[in-house]
Amino acid sequence: MERNCQAMLQDLMDKEAIRDCLYRYCRGIDRADEAVLRSAYWPDAHDRHGAYAGDAEGFFAQALPRLRSGGRGVHQISNILIELHGDVAAVESSFLALQASAAMPTRETFLCGRYLDRFEKRQGQWRVANRLVVYDWIEERIRPELAREDADLFGKRRPNGGRLPKDPLYAFLDAVRATPTLLGREDAI
C-alpha cells in the first residue's frame, strides 16, 4: 500500500509539472518572453505549428520577432489529458487563442485547437520534446471593441496586456517577490 501511495503521489507531481510547463508556454508566447518560452521546450524539441515545421529553435526565431513587433495575444489551455509512460508522457491539451497583430490592428484571429505533445522528463524536469498543433476552429473578424466605445460598456479598461517588459505581469511579480509577506491592502500589488 505504501509503495502504491508513493507511485500515485509521483504521478500527481509529474502531471502537475507538465501542466505548469503548458502554462509557462502560454505566458512565454503571450508576453513574448523568450526565457519562459524556451523553458517549455527541450533544446532538441520539434514543433509542427501551423505553417512551421522544424526544431524549436526555428520556431522561436520565426515567432518571437512577430510577437515583439506589436499587437496582443492571449492563450488559454484546458482539458489537459496526460498519459504517463515512465519518463515519457502523451499529452493532449485544448487551447483558445485570440491574436491581434500590429500589422492589422482592426482585425483579430480567434483560434481553437489542441496541442498534441510528447513530453519527456530529463534531469527531473518535464518539457515538450515534440509538438503537433491541431487547429479545430479558426475565425477572422473585426475586433468587437472597435465597433463601439469602451466607455459604452464599462468605461475604459486598463491596464492592457502587452509584451515583455511592459506587460503588468512583470511589475506584479517584482512587487510580490520584493514583499512576499501579506500586506492586507488592495494596493499590495
N, C-alpha and C. Protein backbone atom coordinates (compact mmCIF):
# COMPACT_ATOMS: atom_id res chain seq x y z
N MET A 1 0.82 -1.20 0.00
CA MET A 1 0.00 0.00 0.00
C MET A 1 0.87 1.26 0.00
N GLU A 2 1.94 1.26 0.81
CA GLU A 2 2.82 2.43 0.89
C GLU A 2 3.45 2.72 -0.47
N ARG A 3 3.92 1.66 -1.15
CA ARG A 3 4.53 1.84 -2.48
C ARG A 3 3.50 2.39 -3.46
N ASN A 4 2.28 1.91 -3.38
CA ASN A 4 1.22 2.38 -4.27
C ASN A 4 0.94 3.86 -4.03
N CYS A 5 0.90 4.29 -2.79
CA CYS A 5 0.68 5.71 -2.47
C CYS A 5 1.83 6.57 -2.99
N GLN A 6 3.04 6.08 -2.84
CA GLN A 6 4.19 6.83 -3.35
C GLN A 6 4.14 6.95 -4.87
N ALA A 7 3.75 5.88 -5.55
CA ALA A 7 3.65 5.91 -7.01
C ALA A 7 2.55 6.88 -7.45
N MET A 8 1.43 6.85 -6.74
CA MET A 8 0.33 7.78 -7.06
C MET A 8 0.76 9.22 -6.84
N LEU A 9 1.46 9.47 -5.75
CA LEU A 9 1.94 10.82 -5.46
C LEU A 9 2.92 11.28 -6.54
N GLN A 10 3.81 10.39 -6.98
CA GLN A 10 4.75 10.76 -8.04
C GLN A 10 4.02 11.06 -9.34
N ASP A 11 2.99 10.27 -9.66
CA ASP A 11 2.18 10.54 -10.86
C ASP A 11 1.54 11.92 -10.78
N LEU A 12 0.97 12.26 -9.62
CA LEU A 12 0.35 13.58 -9.45
C LEU A 12 1.38 14.69 -9.60
N MET A 13 2.55 14.50 -9.02
CA MET A 13 3.60 15.52 -9.13
C MET A 13 4.07 15.67 -10.57
N ASP A 14 4.20 14.56 -11.29
CA ASP A 14 4.60 14.61 -12.70
C ASP A 14 3.55 15.33 -13.54
N LYS A 15 2.29 15.00 -13.30
CA LYS A 15 1.22 15.65 -14.07
C LYS A 15 1.16 17.14 -13.77
N GLU A 16 1.36 17.52 -12.54
CA GLU A 16 1.36 18.95 -12.20
C GLU A 16 2.54 19.68 -12.85
N ALA A 17 3.69 19.03 -12.90
CA ALA A 17 4.85 19.64 -13.57
C ALA A 17 4.58 19.82 -15.06
N ILE A 18 3.89 18.88 -15.68
CA ILE A 18 3.52 19.01 -17.10
C ILE A 18 2.54 20.16 -17.29
N ARG A 19 1.53 20.25 -16.44
CA ARG A 19 0.58 21.37 -16.54
C ARG A 19 1.30 22.71 -16.37
N ASP A 20 2.20 22.78 -15.41
CA ASP A 20 2.97 24.01 -15.19
C ASP A 20 3.76 24.38 -16.44
N CYS A 21 4.32 23.41 -17.11
CA CYS A 21 5.08 23.66 -18.34
C CYS A 21 4.15 24.21 -19.43
N LEU A 22 2.95 23.66 -19.56
CA LEU A 22 1.99 24.17 -20.54
C LEU A 22 1.62 25.62 -20.23
N TYR A 23 1.43 25.93 -18.97
CA TYR A 23 1.10 27.31 -18.59
C TYR A 23 2.28 28.25 -18.86
N ARG A 24 3.50 27.77 -18.63
CA ARG A 24 4.68 28.59 -18.95
C ARG A 24 4.73 28.89 -20.44
N TYR A 25 4.40 27.90 -21.26
CA TYR A 25 4.37 28.13 -22.70
C TYR A 25 3.42 29.29 -23.02
N CYS A 26 2.22 29.26 -22.44
CA CYS A 26 1.25 30.33 -22.71
C CYS A 26 1.78 31.69 -22.27
N ARG A 27 2.38 31.75 -21.10
CA ARG A 27 2.95 33.02 -20.65
C ARG A 27 4.05 33.46 -21.61
N GLY A 28 4.93 32.55 -21.98
CA GLY A 28 6.04 32.90 -22.86
C GLY A 28 5.58 33.41 -24.21
N ILE A 29 4.59 32.75 -24.80
CA ILE A 29 4.13 33.15 -26.13
C ILE A 29 3.31 34.44 -26.06
N ASP A 30 2.48 34.60 -25.03
CA ASP A 30 1.65 35.80 -24.92
C ASP A 30 2.43 37.04 -24.54
N ARG A 31 3.47 36.89 -23.76
CA ARG A 31 4.26 38.03 -23.33
C ARG A 31 5.52 38.22 -24.18
N ALA A 32 5.72 37.33 -25.16
CA ALA A 32 6.95 37.33 -25.97
C ALA A 32 8.17 37.28 -25.06
N ASP A 33 8.08 36.45 -24.03
CA ASP A 33 9.14 36.29 -23.04
C ASP A 33 9.97 35.07 -23.45
N GLU A 34 11.08 35.32 -24.09
CA GLU A 34 11.88 34.25 -24.68
C GLU A 34 12.36 33.24 -23.65
N ALA A 35 12.81 33.70 -22.50
CA ALA A 35 13.34 32.77 -21.49
C ALA A 35 12.24 31.82 -21.01
N VAL A 36 11.06 32.34 -20.77
CA VAL A 36 9.96 31.50 -20.31
C VAL A 36 9.52 30.55 -21.42
N LEU A 37 9.44 31.05 -22.65
CA LEU A 37 9.06 30.20 -23.78
C LEU A 37 10.06 29.05 -23.94
N ARG A 38 11.34 29.35 -23.89
CA ARG A 38 12.36 28.31 -24.03
C ARG A 38 12.27 27.27 -22.91
N SER A 39 11.84 27.70 -21.72
CA SER A 39 11.77 26.77 -20.59
C SER A 39 10.70 25.70 -20.77
N ALA A 40 9.83 25.86 -21.76
CA ALA A 40 8.79 24.87 -22.01
C ALA A 40 9.23 23.77 -22.98
N TYR A 41 10.32 23.98 -23.68
CA TYR A 41 10.79 23.04 -24.70
C TYR A 41 12.18 22.52 -24.35
N TRP A 42 12.46 21.27 -24.73
CA TRP A 42 13.83 20.78 -24.71
C TRP A 42 14.57 21.39 -25.88
N PRO A 43 15.88 21.65 -25.75
CA PRO A 43 16.62 22.28 -26.86
C PRO A 43 16.54 21.51 -28.18
N ASP A 44 16.37 20.19 -28.12
CA ASP A 44 16.27 19.38 -29.34
C ASP A 44 14.83 19.09 -29.74
N ALA A 45 13.88 19.85 -29.20
CA ALA A 45 12.46 19.62 -29.47
C ALA A 45 12.11 19.94 -30.92
N HIS A 46 11.03 19.33 -31.39
CA HIS A 46 10.49 19.56 -32.73
C HIS A 46 9.08 20.11 -32.56
N ASP A 47 8.70 21.06 -33.43
CA ASP A 47 7.38 21.70 -33.34
C ASP A 47 6.77 21.80 -34.73
N ARG A 48 5.54 21.32 -34.86
CA ARG A 48 4.75 21.49 -36.09
C ARG A 48 3.60 22.41 -35.70
N HIS A 49 3.73 23.66 -36.08
CA HIS A 49 2.92 24.76 -35.55
C HIS A 49 2.39 25.57 -36.74
N GLY A 50 1.22 25.22 -37.26
CA GLY A 50 0.72 25.90 -38.44
C GLY A 50 1.62 25.63 -39.63
N ALA A 51 2.05 26.70 -40.31
CA ALA A 51 2.91 26.56 -41.49
C ALA A 51 4.34 26.18 -41.11
N TYR A 52 4.70 26.31 -39.85
CA TYR A 52 6.07 26.00 -39.43
C TYR A 52 6.19 24.54 -39.02
N ALA A 53 7.23 23.89 -39.49
CA ALA A 53 7.58 22.54 -39.03
C ALA A 53 9.10 22.47 -38.96
N GLY A 54 9.62 22.27 -37.77
CA GLY A 54 11.06 22.21 -37.60
C GLY A 54 11.43 22.16 -36.14
N ASP A 55 12.68 22.49 -35.86
CA ASP A 55 13.13 22.44 -34.47
C ASP A 55 12.58 23.64 -33.68
N ALA A 56 12.61 23.51 -32.37
CA ALA A 56 12.08 24.57 -31.51
C ALA A 56 12.83 25.87 -31.71
N GLU A 57 14.12 25.79 -31.94
CA GLU A 57 14.92 26.99 -32.17
C GLU A 57 14.39 27.79 -33.36
N GLY A 58 14.05 27.10 -34.43
CA GLY A 58 13.48 27.75 -35.60
C GLY A 58 12.12 28.35 -35.31
N PHE A 59 11.32 27.66 -34.48
CA PHE A 59 10.02 28.21 -34.08
C PHE A 59 10.21 29.52 -33.33
N PHE A 60 11.15 29.54 -32.38
CA PHE A 60 11.41 30.78 -31.64
C PHE A 60 11.86 31.89 -32.60
N ALA A 61 12.73 31.53 -33.53
CA ALA A 61 13.30 32.53 -34.46
C ALA A 61 12.23 33.15 -35.35
N GLN A 62 11.21 32.39 -35.72
CA GLN A 62 10.18 32.98 -36.57
C GLN A 62 9.05 33.60 -35.76
N ALA A 63 8.76 33.09 -34.57
CA ALA A 63 7.62 33.61 -33.80
C ALA A 63 7.96 34.87 -33.00
N LEU A 64 9.10 34.88 -32.33
CA LEU A 64 9.40 35.99 -31.42
C LEU A 64 9.49 37.35 -32.11
N PRO A 65 10.13 37.49 -33.27
CA PRO A 65 10.14 38.82 -33.90
C PRO A 65 8.73 39.32 -34.24
N ARG A 66 7.86 38.42 -34.70
CA ARG A 66 6.49 38.83 -35.00
C ARG A 66 5.75 39.24 -33.73
N LEU A 67 5.94 38.48 -32.67
CA LEU A 67 5.27 38.81 -31.41
C LEU A 67 5.76 40.15 -30.87
N ARG A 68 7.04 40.40 -30.99
CA ARG A 68 7.63 41.63 -30.45
C ARG A 68 7.32 42.85 -31.31
N SER A 69 6.79 42.65 -32.50
CA SER A 69 6.51 43.79 -33.38
C SER A 69 5.24 44.52 -32.98
N GLY A 70 4.55 44.01 -32.00
CA GLY A 70 3.35 44.69 -31.51
C GLY A 70 2.15 43.76 -31.56
N GLY A 71 1.02 44.33 -31.28
CA GLY A 71 -0.20 43.54 -31.22
C GLY A 71 -0.36 42.90 -29.86
N ARG A 72 -1.37 42.08 -29.76
CA ARG A 72 -1.66 41.41 -28.50
C ARG A 72 -2.10 39.98 -28.76
N GLY A 73 -1.95 39.15 -27.76
CA GLY A 73 -2.40 37.77 -27.88
C GLY A 73 -2.65 37.18 -26.51
N VAL A 74 -3.55 36.22 -26.48
CA VAL A 74 -3.83 35.52 -25.23
C VAL A 74 -4.12 34.06 -25.57
N HIS A 75 -3.54 33.16 -24.80
CA HIS A 75 -3.78 31.72 -24.94
C HIS A 75 -4.36 31.20 -23.62
N GLN A 76 -5.35 30.36 -23.73
CA GLN A 76 -5.93 29.66 -22.58
C GLN A 76 -5.85 28.17 -22.86
N ILE A 77 -5.45 27.40 -21.86
CA ILE A 77 -5.33 25.95 -22.01
C ILE A 77 -6.31 25.27 -21.06
N SER A 78 -6.95 24.21 -21.57
CA SER A 78 -7.88 23.45 -20.73
C SER A 78 -7.89 21.99 -21.20
N ASN A 79 -8.71 21.19 -20.54
CA ASN A 79 -8.89 19.78 -20.90
C ASN A 79 -7.54 19.09 -21.13
N ILE A 80 -6.68 19.21 -20.15
CA ILE A 80 -5.34 18.63 -20.25
C ILE A 80 -5.42 17.15 -19.85
N LEU A 81 -5.21 16.29 -20.83
CA LEU A 81 -5.22 14.85 -20.59
C LEU A 81 -3.80 14.34 -20.72
N ILE A 82 -3.33 13.66 -19.68
CA ILE A 82 -1.94 13.24 -19.61
C ILE A 82 -1.87 11.74 -19.39
N GLU A 83 -1.19 11.05 -20.29
CA GLU A 83 -0.89 9.62 -20.14
C GLU A 83 0.59 9.49 -19.82
N LEU A 84 0.88 9.03 -18.63
CA LEU A 84 2.28 8.84 -18.23
C LEU A 84 2.77 7.46 -18.63
N HIS A 85 3.97 7.43 -19.18
CA HIS A 85 4.63 6.18 -19.57
C HIS A 85 6.08 6.28 -19.11
N GLY A 86 6.29 6.19 -17.81
CA GLY A 86 7.64 6.36 -17.26
C GLY A 86 8.08 7.81 -17.41
N ASP A 87 9.19 8.03 -18.09
CA ASP A 87 9.72 9.39 -18.29
C ASP A 87 9.26 10.02 -19.59
N VAL A 88 8.20 9.45 -20.17
CA VAL A 88 7.58 9.99 -21.39
C VAL A 88 6.09 10.14 -21.10
N ALA A 89 5.48 11.18 -21.66
CA ALA A 89 4.04 11.37 -21.50
C ALA A 89 3.42 11.80 -22.82
N ALA A 90 2.25 11.25 -23.10
CA ALA A 90 1.43 11.70 -24.23
C ALA A 90 0.42 12.68 -23.65
N VAL A 91 0.43 13.91 -24.16
CA VAL A 91 -0.40 14.97 -23.57
C VAL A 91 -1.23 15.63 -24.66
N GLU A 92 -2.54 15.65 -24.45
CA GLU A 92 -3.45 16.40 -25.31
C GLU A 92 -4.04 17.52 -24.48
N SER A 93 -3.91 18.75 -24.96
CA SER A 93 -4.50 19.89 -24.26
C SER A 93 -5.19 20.78 -25.27
N SER A 94 -6.37 21.25 -24.90
CA SER A 94 -7.13 22.15 -25.76
C SER A 94 -6.68 23.58 -25.51
N PHE A 95 -6.71 24.39 -26.56
CA PHE A 95 -6.36 25.80 -26.39
C PHE A 95 -7.38 26.70 -27.08
N LEU A 96 -7.52 27.88 -26.53
CA LEU A 96 -8.22 29.00 -27.16
C LEU A 96 -7.18 30.10 -27.27
N ALA A 97 -7.08 30.71 -28.42
CA ALA A 97 -6.12 31.80 -28.60
C ALA A 97 -6.80 32.93 -29.36
N LEU A 98 -6.52 34.13 -28.92
CA LEU A 98 -7.01 35.34 -29.59
C LEU A 98 -5.80 36.17 -29.91
N GLN A 99 -5.64 36.52 -31.18
CA GLN A 99 -4.45 37.25 -31.62
C GLN A 99 -4.86 38.46 -32.44
N ALA A 100 -4.22 39.59 -32.15
CA ALA A 100 -4.40 40.82 -32.93
C ALA A 100 -3.01 41.35 -33.24
N SER A 101 -2.67 41.43 -34.50
CA SER A 101 -1.32 41.85 -34.88
C SER A 101 -1.24 43.36 -35.05
N ALA A 102 -0.05 43.89 -34.94
CA ALA A 102 0.18 45.32 -35.16
C ALA A 102 -0.04 45.66 -36.63
N ALA A 103 0.20 44.71 -37.52
CA ALA A 103 0.05 44.96 -38.96
C ALA A 103 -1.40 45.16 -39.36
N MET A 104 -2.32 44.51 -38.64
CA MET A 104 -3.76 44.65 -38.93
C MET A 104 -4.49 44.93 -37.62
N PRO A 105 -4.37 46.15 -37.09
CA PRO A 105 -4.89 46.45 -35.75
C PRO A 105 -6.41 46.40 -35.62
N THR A 106 -7.15 46.42 -36.71
CA THR A 106 -8.61 46.38 -36.61
C THR A 106 -9.16 44.97 -36.69
N ARG A 107 -8.31 43.98 -36.92
CA ARG A 107 -8.76 42.60 -37.07
C ARG A 107 -8.15 41.73 -35.98
N GLU A 108 -8.80 40.61 -35.73
CA GLU A 108 -8.27 39.63 -34.79
C GLU A 108 -8.55 38.24 -35.32
N THR A 109 -7.78 37.30 -34.83
CA THR A 109 -7.95 35.90 -35.19
C THR A 109 -8.26 35.12 -33.92
N PHE A 110 -9.35 34.37 -33.97
CA PHE A 110 -9.75 33.51 -32.86
C PHE A 110 -9.46 32.08 -33.27
N LEU A 111 -8.68 31.38 -32.46
CA LEU A 111 -8.26 30.02 -32.76
C LEU A 111 -8.66 29.07 -31.64
N CYS A 112 -9.13 27.92 -32.01
CA CYS A 112 -9.37 26.83 -31.05
C CYS A 112 -8.67 25.60 -31.62
N GLY A 113 -8.04 24.87 -30.75
CA GLY A 113 -7.37 23.67 -31.23
C GLY A 113 -6.79 22.88 -30.08
N ARG A 114 -5.85 22.02 -30.44
CA ARG A 114 -5.23 21.16 -29.44
C ARG A 114 -3.74 21.06 -29.68
N TYR A 115 -3.01 20.98 -28.59
CA TYR A 115 -1.59 20.65 -28.63
C TYR A 115 -1.48 19.16 -28.36
N LEU A 116 -0.87 18.44 -29.28
CA LEU A 116 -0.57 17.03 -29.07
C LEU A 116 0.93 16.97 -28.81
N ASP A 117 1.28 16.78 -27.56
CA ASP A 117 2.67 16.90 -27.12
C ASP A 117 3.22 15.59 -26.61
N ARG A 118 4.44 15.31 -27.02
CA ARG A 118 5.24 14.27 -26.37
C ARG A 118 6.12 15.02 -25.37
N PHE A 119 5.87 14.79 -24.09
CA PHE A 119 6.70 15.35 -23.03
C PHE A 119 7.74 14.32 -22.63
N GLU A 120 8.91 14.80 -22.26
CA GLU A 120 9.95 13.92 -21.74
C GLU A 120 10.48 14.52 -20.44
N LYS A 121 10.74 13.62 -19.50
CA LYS A 121 11.33 14.01 -18.22
C LYS A 121 12.82 13.71 -18.28
N ARG A 122 13.61 14.79 -18.20
CA ARG A 122 15.07 14.67 -18.22
C ARG A 122 15.62 15.45 -17.03
N GLN A 123 16.57 14.89 -16.36
CA GLN A 123 17.17 15.53 -15.18
C GLN A 123 16.08 16.06 -14.23
N GLY A 124 14.98 15.31 -14.11
CA GLY A 124 13.92 15.67 -13.18
C GLY A 124 12.95 16.73 -13.68
N GLN A 125 13.08 17.18 -14.93
CA GLN A 125 12.20 18.22 -15.48
C GLN A 125 11.38 17.67 -16.65
N TRP A 126 10.12 18.08 -16.71
CA TRP A 126 9.25 17.76 -17.83
C TRP A 126 9.22 18.94 -18.79
N ARG A 127 9.42 18.66 -20.08
CA ARG A 127 9.31 19.68 -21.13
C ARG A 127 8.80 19.03 -22.42
N VAL A 128 8.37 19.88 -23.34
CA VAL A 128 7.92 19.41 -24.65
C VAL A 128 9.12 18.91 -25.45
N ALA A 129 9.00 17.70 -25.98
CA ALA A 129 10.01 17.14 -26.88
C ALA A 129 9.52 17.16 -28.33
N ASN A 130 8.20 17.06 -28.50
CA ASN A 130 7.62 17.07 -29.84
C ASN A 130 6.19 17.61 -29.73
N ARG A 131 5.86 18.56 -30.59
CA ARG A 131 4.53 19.18 -30.55
C ARG A 131 3.91 19.18 -31.94
N LEU A 132 2.64 18.81 -32.00
CA LEU A 132 1.81 18.98 -33.19
C LEU A 132 0.63 19.85 -32.77
N VAL A 133 0.44 20.97 -33.46
CA VAL A 133 -0.70 21.85 -33.19
C VAL A 133 -1.81 21.49 -34.17
N VAL A 134 -2.97 21.10 -33.64
CA VAL A 134 -4.14 20.76 -34.43
C VAL A 134 -5.12 21.91 -34.32
N TYR A 135 -5.56 22.45 -35.46
CA TYR A 135 -6.49 23.58 -35.46
C TYR A 135 -7.90 23.07 -35.70
N ASP A 136 -8.78 23.26 -34.72
CA ASP A 136 -10.16 22.82 -34.82
C ASP A 136 -11.10 23.95 -35.25
N TRP A 137 -10.69 25.19 -35.05
CA TRP A 137 -11.54 26.34 -35.39
C TRP A 137 -10.65 27.55 -35.59
N ILE A 138 -10.86 28.25 -36.71
CA ILE A 138 -10.15 29.50 -36.97
C ILE A 138 -11.17 30.50 -37.48
N GLU A 139 -11.20 31.66 -36.85
CA GLU A 139 -12.15 32.69 -37.24
C GLU A 139 -11.45 34.04 -37.29
N GLU A 140 -11.53 34.71 -38.43
CA GLU A 140 -11.00 36.06 -38.59
C GLU A 140 -12.18 37.02 -38.46
N ARG A 141 -11.97 38.12 -37.73
CA ARG A 141 -13.09 39.05 -37.54
C ARG A 141 -12.59 40.44 -37.19
N ILE A 142 -13.50 41.41 -37.31
CA ILE A 142 -13.21 42.77 -36.86
C ILE A 142 -13.25 42.76 -35.34
N ARG A 143 -12.31 43.43 -34.72
CA ARG A 143 -12.27 43.45 -33.25
C ARG A 143 -13.55 44.08 -32.71
N PRO A 144 -14.30 43.36 -31.86
CA PRO A 144 -15.59 43.85 -31.37
C PRO A 144 -15.51 45.19 -30.64
N GLU A 145 -14.43 45.43 -29.91
CA GLU A 145 -14.36 46.68 -29.15
C GLU A 145 -14.25 47.90 -30.05
N LEU A 146 -13.88 47.68 -31.32
CA LEU A 146 -13.79 48.80 -32.25
C LEU A 146 -15.15 49.18 -32.82
N ALA A 147 -16.12 48.31 -32.64
CA ALA A 147 -17.46 48.59 -33.14
C ALA A 147 -18.23 49.55 -32.23
N ARG A 148 -17.75 49.77 -31.03
CA ARG A 148 -18.40 50.70 -30.10
C ARG A 148 -17.35 51.21 -29.12
N GLU A 149 -17.68 52.24 -28.42
CA GLU A 149 -16.77 52.82 -27.44
C GLU A 149 -16.67 51.93 -26.20
N ASP A 150 -15.47 51.74 -25.68
CA ASP A 150 -15.30 51.02 -24.42
C ASP A 150 -16.16 51.62 -23.33
N ALA A 151 -16.22 52.94 -23.29
CA ALA A 151 -16.96 53.63 -22.23
C ALA A 151 -18.45 53.28 -22.27
N ASP A 152 -18.95 52.87 -23.43
CA ASP A 152 -20.35 52.48 -23.53
C ASP A 152 -20.63 51.23 -22.70
N LEU A 153 -19.64 50.41 -22.51
CA LEU A 153 -19.83 49.16 -21.78
C LEU A 153 -19.52 49.32 -20.30
N PHE A 154 -18.27 49.47 -19.97
CA PHE A 154 -17.85 49.51 -18.57
C PHE A 154 -16.85 50.61 -18.29
N GLY A 155 -16.68 51.54 -19.18
CA GLY A 155 -15.64 52.54 -19.03
C GLY A 155 -14.34 52.01 -19.60
N LYS A 156 -13.33 52.83 -19.59
CA LYS A 156 -12.03 52.41 -20.14
C LYS A 156 -11.49 51.21 -19.36
N ARG A 157 -11.02 50.24 -20.08
CA ARG A 157 -10.47 49.04 -19.44
C ARG A 157 -8.95 49.13 -19.46
N ARG A 158 -8.39 49.23 -18.27
CA ARG A 158 -6.95 49.33 -18.13
C ARG A 158 -6.54 48.49 -16.93
N PRO A 159 -5.36 48.02 -16.84
CA PRO A 159 -4.30 48.12 -17.83
C PRO A 159 -4.49 47.10 -18.94
N ASN A 160 -3.92 47.37 -20.09
CA ASN A 160 -3.94 46.43 -21.20
C ASN A 160 -2.71 45.53 -21.13
N GLY A 161 -2.88 44.31 -21.57
CA GLY A 161 -1.76 43.38 -21.64
C GLY A 161 -0.81 43.79 -22.75
N GLY A 162 0.41 43.30 -22.67
CA GLY A 162 1.41 43.62 -23.68
C GLY A 162 2.53 42.61 -23.66
N ARG A 163 3.63 43.00 -24.20
CA ARG A 163 4.79 42.13 -24.30
C ARG A 163 5.80 42.48 -23.22
N LEU A 164 6.76 41.59 -23.02
CA LEU A 164 7.87 41.80 -22.09
C LEU A 164 8.61 43.06 -22.50
N PRO A 165 8.94 43.97 -21.65
CA PRO A 165 8.76 44.04 -20.20
C PRO A 165 7.56 44.90 -19.78
N LYS A 166 6.76 45.37 -20.76
CA LYS A 166 5.71 46.35 -20.45
C LYS A 166 4.44 45.73 -19.87
N ASP A 167 4.25 44.43 -20.04
CA ASP A 167 3.05 43.80 -19.51
C ASP A 167 2.99 43.97 -17.99
N PRO A 168 1.81 44.24 -17.42
CA PRO A 168 1.68 44.42 -15.97
C PRO A 168 2.16 43.22 -15.15
N LEU A 169 2.24 42.04 -15.75
CA LEU A 169 2.71 40.85 -15.04
C LEU A 169 4.07 41.08 -14.40
N TYR A 170 4.98 41.72 -15.12
CA TYR A 170 6.36 41.84 -14.63
C TYR A 170 6.46 42.79 -13.43
N ALA A 171 5.69 43.87 -13.41
CA ALA A 171 5.67 44.75 -12.24
C ALA A 171 5.03 44.01 -11.06
N PHE A 172 3.98 43.24 -11.34
CA PHE A 172 3.31 42.45 -10.31
C PHE A 172 4.28 41.44 -9.68
N LEU A 173 4.99 40.68 -10.52
CA LEU A 173 5.94 39.69 -10.00
C LEU A 173 7.05 40.36 -9.19
N ASP A 174 7.58 41.48 -9.69
CA ASP A 174 8.62 42.19 -8.95
C ASP A 174 8.12 42.63 -7.58
N ALA A 175 6.88 43.14 -7.53
CA ALA A 175 6.32 43.62 -6.26
C ALA A 175 6.13 42.47 -5.27
N VAL A 176 5.59 41.35 -5.73
CA VAL A 176 5.36 40.21 -4.83
C VAL A 176 6.69 39.64 -4.36
N ARG A 177 7.64 39.53 -5.26
CA ARG A 177 8.95 38.98 -4.88
C ARG A 177 9.68 39.90 -3.91
N ALA A 178 9.47 41.20 -4.03
CA ALA A 178 10.14 42.16 -3.14
C ALA A 178 9.50 42.19 -1.76
N THR A 179 8.20 41.91 -1.69
CA THR A 179 7.47 41.95 -0.43
C THR A 179 6.58 40.71 -0.33
N PRO A 180 7.17 39.55 -0.02
CA PRO A 180 6.39 38.32 -0.02
C PRO A 180 5.47 38.13 1.19
N THR A 181 5.47 39.05 2.14
CA THR A 181 4.59 38.91 3.29
C THR A 181 3.21 39.45 2.95
N LEU A 182 2.20 39.02 3.70
CA LEU A 182 0.84 39.50 3.48
C LEU A 182 0.73 40.93 3.96
N LEU A 183 0.22 41.80 3.10
CA LEU A 183 0.09 43.21 3.46
C LEU A 183 -1.33 43.57 3.85
N GLY A 184 -2.31 42.79 3.37
CA GLY A 184 -3.70 43.07 3.72
C GLY A 184 -4.22 44.37 3.13
N ARG A 185 -3.69 44.78 2.01
CA ARG A 185 -4.14 46.02 1.37
C ARG A 185 -4.48 45.73 -0.08
N GLU A 186 -5.45 46.47 -0.60
CA GLU A 186 -5.80 46.32 -2.00
C GLU A 186 -4.68 46.75 -2.92
N ASP A 187 -3.88 47.71 -2.48
CA ASP A 187 -2.82 48.23 -3.33
C ASP A 187 -1.51 47.46 -3.15
N ALA A 188 -1.58 46.25 -2.59
CA ALA A 188 -0.37 45.47 -2.34
C ALA A 188 0.35 45.10 -3.63
N ILE A 189 -0.38 45.06 -4.72
CA ILE A 189 0.29 44.77 -6.00
C ILE A 189 0.33 46.05 -6.77
